[in-house]
Amino acid sequence: MPIVIFRERNAQLYCYIAKQDLEAKVIGVEFDSQDCWGGEVALEGGKRYYVNPQTEKPQFPVSLRASRPGLV
């Protein structure tokens, strides 16, 4: 499971995957509220990752473990 870094830039959320040297805009998050954040994360370009849902929306930037959705 890679570590990914989520950060906000110009009111947009981005995801950086160091192992692939890839930064992409997040276009969707399965759970995106103040009391639950995470689940399946869709990136611009078609890639998808799964982040265990957090009990609250994190402060960005944040590093989290992610996996491919089919591997959960």
C-alpha atoms as a PDB file:
ATOM      1  CA  MET A   1       0.000   0.000   0.000  1.00  0.00           C
ATOM      2  CA  PRO A   2       1.546   3.272  -1.056  1.00  0.00           C
ATOM      3  CA  ILE A   3       1.547   6.393   1.047  1.00  0.00           C
ATOM      4  CA  VAL A   4      -0.223   9.225  -0.759  1.00  0.00           C
ATOM      5  CA  ILE A   5      -0.265  12.896   0.122  1.00  0.00           C
ATOM      6  CA  PHE A   6      -3.451  14.902  -0.228  1.00  0.00           C
ATOM      7  CA  ARG A   7      -3.145  18.679  -0.371  1.00  0.00           C
ATOM      8  CA  GLU A   8      -5.296  21.627  -1.308  1.00  0.00           C
ATOM      9  CA  ARG A   9      -4.224  24.124  -3.931  1.00  0.00           C
ATOM     10  CA  ASN A  10      -6.471  26.911  -5.248  1.00  0.00           C
ATOM     11  CA  ALA A  11      -9.533  25.353  -3.538  1.00  0.00           C
ATOM     12  CA  GLN A  12      -8.890  22.030  -5.346  1.00  0.00           C
ATOM     13  CA  LEU A  13      -7.739  18.781  -3.737  1.00  0.00           C
ATOM     14  CA  TYR A  14      -4.695  17.037  -5.235  1.00  0.00           C
ATOM     15  CA  CYS A  15      -3.160  13.640  -4.581  1.00  0.00           C
ATOM     16  CA  TYR A  16       0.561  12.916  -4.897  1.00  0.00           C
ATOM     17  CA  ILE A  17       1.758   9.304  -5.232  1.00  0.00           C
ATOM     18  CA  ALA A  18       5.512   9.277  -4.697  1.00  0.00           C
ATOM     19  CA  LYS A  19       6.091   5.738  -5.945  1.00  0.00           C
ATOM     20  CA  GLN A  20       4.722   6.758  -9.353  1.00  0.00           C
ATOM     21  CA  ASP A  21       5.862  10.409  -9.171  1.00  0.00           C
ATOM     22  CA  LEU A  22       2.275  11.305 -10.023  1.00  0.00           C
ATOM     23  CA  GLU A  23       0.243  14.288  -8.895  1.00  0.00           C
ATOM     24  CA  ALA A  24      -3.376  14.418 -10.019  1.00  0.00           C
ATOM     25  CA  LYS A  25      -6.473  16.410  -9.178  1.00  0.00           C
ATOM     26  CA  VAL A  26      -9.014  14.561  -7.046  1.00  0.00           C
ATOM     27  CA  ILE A  27     -12.326  14.545  -8.900  1.00  0.00           C
ATOM     28  CA  GLY A  28     -14.342  12.515  -6.385  1.00  0.00           C
ATOM     29  CA  VAL A  29     -14.256  11.183  -2.830  1.00  0.00           C
ATOM     30  CA  GLU A  30     -16.745   8.534  -1.709  1.00  0.00           C
ATOM     31  CA  PHE A  31     -17.232  10.090   1.751  1.00  0.00           C
ATOM     32  CA  ASP A  32     -16.638  13.844   1.822  1.00  0.00           C
ATOM     33  CA  SER A  33     -18.155  15.417   4.920  1.00  0.00           C
ATOM     34  CA  GLN A  34     -16.812  16.907   8.137  1.00  0.00           C
ATOM     35  CA  ASP A  35     -17.586  13.729  10.129  1.00  0.00           C
ATOM     36  CA  CYS A  36     -16.446  11.104   7.576  1.00  0.00           C
ATOM     37  CA  TRP A  37     -13.820  11.434   4.846  1.00  0.00           C
ATOM     38  CA  GLY A  38     -12.227   8.822   2.574  1.00  0.00           C
ATOM     39  CA  GLY A  39     -13.317   5.656   0.836  1.00  0.00           C
ATOM     40  CA  GLU A  40     -12.818   5.423  -2.906  1.00  0.00           C
ATOM     41  CA  VAL A  41     -10.930   8.390  -4.327  1.00  0.00           C
ATOM     42  CA  ALA A  42     -11.159   9.113  -8.063  1.00  0.00           C
ATOM     43  CA  LEU A  43      -8.309  10.987  -9.728  1.00  0.00           C
ATOM     44  CA  GLU A  44      -8.223  12.955 -12.949  1.00  0.00           C
ATOM     45  CA  GLY A  45      -7.005  10.587 -15.652  1.00  0.00           C
ATOM     46  CA  GLY A  46      -9.026   7.593 -14.435  1.00  0.00           C
ATOM     47  CA  LYS A  47      -6.966   6.187 -11.565  1.00  0.00           C
ATOM     48  CA  ARG A  48      -8.808   5.191  -8.400  1.00  0.00           C
ATOM     49  CA  TYR A  49      -7.521   4.485  -4.910  1.00  0.00           C
ATOM     50  CA  TYR A  50      -9.108   3.458  -1.628  1.00  0.00           C
ATOM     51  CA  VAL A  51      -8.347   5.290   1.622  1.00  0.00           C
ATOM     52  CA  ASN A  52      -9.789   3.937   4.857  1.00  0.00           C
ATOM     53  CA  PRO A  53     -12.563   6.323   5.913  1.00  0.00           C
ATOM     54  CA  GLN A  54     -11.427   8.800   8.565  1.00  0.00           C
ATOM     55  CA  THR A  55     -13.689   9.757  11.474  1.00  0.00           C
ATOM     56  CA  GLU A  56     -13.400  13.414  10.467  1.00  0.00           C
ATOM     57  CA  LYS A  57     -12.211  15.405   7.486  1.00  0.00           C
ATOM     58  CA  PRO A  58      -8.420  15.769   7.844  1.00  0.00           C
ATOM     59  CA  GLN A  59      -6.449  18.985   7.768  1.00  0.00           C
ATOM     60  CA  PHE A  60      -4.528  19.146   4.487  1.00  0.00           C
ATOM     61  CA  PRO A  61      -1.789  18.346   3.627  1.00  0.00           C
ATOM     62  CA  VAL A  62      -2.075  14.839   5.029  1.00  0.00           C
ATOM     63  CA  SER A  63      -0.277  11.547   4.277  1.00  0.00           C
ATOM     64  CA  LEU A  64      -2.442   8.417   4.235  1.00  0.00           C
ATOM     65  CA  ARG A  65      -2.112   4.810   3.115  1.00  0.00           C
ATOM     66  CA  ALA A  66      -4.023   3.964  -0.040  1.00  0.00           C
ATOM     67  CA  SER A  67      -4.699   0.833  -2.053  1.00  0.00           C
ATOM     68  CA  ARG A  68      -6.227   0.035  -5.396  1.00  0.00           C
ATOM     69  CA  PRO A  69     -10.035  -0.483  -4.960  1.00  0.00           C
ATOM     70  CA  GLY A  70      -9.962  -4.056  -6.285  1.00  0.00           C
ATOM     71  CA  LEU A  71      -7.350  -5.065  -3.699  1.00  0.00           C
ATOM     72  CA  VAL A  72      -9.353  -4.099  -0.589  1.00  0.00           C
END
